[in-house]
């Protein structure tokens, strides 16, 4: 599988930035990274599953696409307090999805459960 240094560096940078905030208990960050066969889960299917799974009353979503390479879905409650980011990445014969859930209310368990919900829906769609 081809490595994506920008993703590794980006994830590391987010981890470094998040460290001081996590110390006070107000911020939590959970993420899941999974590869899937592109034959079973394309980046477009990944995006559609994510959009359906994260459609919750009071939530907003945004979708950005780089044709054939990357789809990023972001969103969260319109009132704020948490957010999610899902990257669906085409890599050779794989689709890699990166699910991130952030919470600014000190509810780590909820952020982790939301990340798991998205990951589980994507796994079921494979």
Protein backbone atom coordinates (compact mmCIF):
# COMPACT_ATOMS: atom_id res chain seq x y z
CA UNK A 1 0.00 0.00 0.00
CA UNK A 2 1.27 3.46 -0.86
CA UNK A 3 2.13 5.67 2.12
CA UNK A 4 0.69 9.16 2.41
CA UNK A 5 3.23 11.25 4.34
CA UNK A 6 0.95 14.30 4.37
CA UNK A 7 -1.71 12.33 6.25
CA UNK A 8 0.77 11.02 8.78
CA UNK A 9 2.26 14.46 9.32
CA UNK A 10 -1.22 16.02 9.53
CA UNK A 11 -2.42 13.46 12.08
CA UNK A 12 0.75 13.96 14.11
CA UNK A 13 0.34 17.75 14.00
CA UNK A 14 -3.29 17.50 15.14
CA UNK A 15 -2.14 15.29 18.01
CA UNK A 16 0.48 17.83 19.04
CA UNK A 17 -1.96 20.71 18.85
CA UNK A 18 -4.59 18.79 20.81
CA UNK A 19 -2.28 17.82 23.69
CA UNK A 20 -2.48 21.06 25.72
CA UNK A 21 -6.26 21.25 25.33
CA UNK A 22 -6.73 17.63 26.40
CA UNK A 23 -4.91 18.24 29.65
CA UNK A 24 -7.76 20.36 31.01
CA UNK A 25 -10.43 17.75 30.16
CA UNK A 26 -12.52 20.02 27.92
CA UNK A 27 -11.34 18.58 24.62
CA UNK A 28 -11.37 15.04 23.30
CA UNK A 29 -10.25 13.69 19.96
CA UNK A 30 -10.95 10.19 18.71
CA UNK A 31 -10.05 8.79 15.33
CA UNK A 32 -10.25 5.56 13.37
CA UNK A 33 -8.22 4.67 10.25
CA UNK A 34 -9.30 1.69 8.14
CA UNK A 35 -8.41 0.39 4.67
CA UNK A 36 -11.00 -1.28 2.44
CA UNK A 37 -10.91 -2.80 -1.02
CA UNK A 38 -11.81 -0.13 -3.57
CA UNK A 39 -13.89 -2.80 -5.37
CA UNK A 40 -16.11 -3.04 -2.29
CA UNK A 41 -16.02 0.58 -1.07
CA UNK A 42 -15.30 3.44 -3.47
CA UNK A 43 -14.59 6.93 -2.19
CA UNK A 44 -18.01 8.05 -3.48
CA UNK A 45 -19.77 5.22 -1.60
CA UNK A 46 -17.68 6.05 1.46
CA UNK A 47 -18.91 9.66 1.24
CA UNK A 48 -22.56 8.65 0.79
CA UNK A 49 -22.48 6.26 3.75
CA UNK A 50 -20.84 8.94 5.90
CA UNK A 51 -23.41 11.56 4.89
CA UNK A 52 -26.32 9.21 5.71
CA UNK A 53 -24.79 8.08 9.00
CA UNK A 54 -24.12 11.61 10.22
CA UNK A 55 -27.49 13.08 9.22
CA UNK A 56 -28.81 13.98 12.62
CA UNK A 57 -31.38 16.68 13.43
CA UNK A 58 -29.51 19.87 14.26
CA UNK A 59 -26.31 18.79 12.48
CA UNK A 60 -24.74 20.52 9.49
CA UNK A 61 -22.48 18.90 6.88
CA UNK A 62 -20.06 20.00 4.20
CA UNK A 63 -18.59 17.85 1.43
CA UNK A 64 -15.39 18.68 -0.46
CA UNK A 65 -14.13 16.57 -3.37
CA UNK A 66 -10.91 16.17 -5.26
CA UNK A 67 -12.10 14.07 -8.19
CA UNK A 68 -11.05 10.44 -7.97
CA UNK A 69 -8.64 11.02 -5.08
CA UNK A 70 -10.30 12.36 -1.95
CA UNK A 71 -13.67 13.20 -0.45
CA UNK A 72 -13.79 15.03 2.88
CA UNK A 73 -17.03 15.28 4.86
CA UNK A 74 -17.10 17.64 7.83
CA UNK A 75 -19.83 18.69 10.18
CA UNK A 76 -21.30 18.72 13.61
CA UNK A 77 -24.12 20.20 15.64
CA UNK A 78 -25.15 23.67 14.45
CA UNK A 79 -24.98 24.81 18.09
CA UNK A 80 -21.30 23.78 18.25
CA UNK A 81 -19.49 21.82 20.93
CA UNK A 82 -18.30 18.98 18.72
CA UNK A 83 -17.33 18.16 15.16
CA UNK A 84 -16.50 15.27 12.85
CA UNK A 85 -14.20 14.94 9.87
CA UNK A 86 -14.15 11.93 7.55
CA UNK A 87 -11.61 11.55 4.75
CA UNK A 88 -12.30 8.94 2.05
CA UNK A 89 -8.99 8.49 0.23
CA UNK A 90 -8.26 6.55 -2.97
CA UNK A 91 -4.92 4.75 -2.67
CA UNK A 92 -4.05 2.24 -5.38
CA UNK A 93 -6.63 -0.56 -5.07
CA UNK A 94 -7.74 0.58 -1.61
CA UNK A 95 -10.08 3.13 -0.13
CA UNK A 96 -8.74 4.39 3.16
CA UNK A 97 -11.13 6.13 5.48
CA UNK A 98 -10.07 8.32 8.36
CA UNK A 99 -12.81 9.12 10.86
CA UNK A 100 -12.19 11.89 13.38
CA UNK A 101 -14.55 12.99 16.15
CA UNK A 102 -13.78 16.00 18.31
CA UNK A 103 -15.63 17.22 21.37
CA UNK A 104 -15.15 20.51 23.20
CA UNK A 105 -17.55 19.71 26.07
CA UNK A 106 -15.54 17.11 27.94
CA UNK A 107 -17.63 14.18 26.65
CA UNK A 108 -14.91 11.82 25.44
CA UNK A 109 -17.20 8.78 25.47
CA UNK A 110 -19.66 10.49 23.10
CA UNK A 111 -16.92 11.45 20.63
CA UNK A 112 -15.57 7.89 20.67
CA UNK A 113 -19.08 6.44 20.20
CA UNK A 114 -19.73 8.79 17.25
CA UNK A 115 -16.43 7.81 15.59
CA UNK A 116 -17.32 4.14 16.13
CA UNK A 117 -20.80 4.67 14.63
CA UNK A 118 -19.33 6.11 11.43
CA UNK A 119 -16.58 3.47 11.21
CA UNK A 120 -19.09 0.65 11.78
CA UNK A 121 -21.38 1.98 9.03
CA UNK A 122 -18.44 2.16 6.61
CA UNK A 123 -17.32 -1.37 7.53
CA UNK A 124 -20.88 -2.63 6.92
CA UNK A 125 -20.84 -0.92 3.51
CA UNK A 126 -17.72 -2.81 2.39
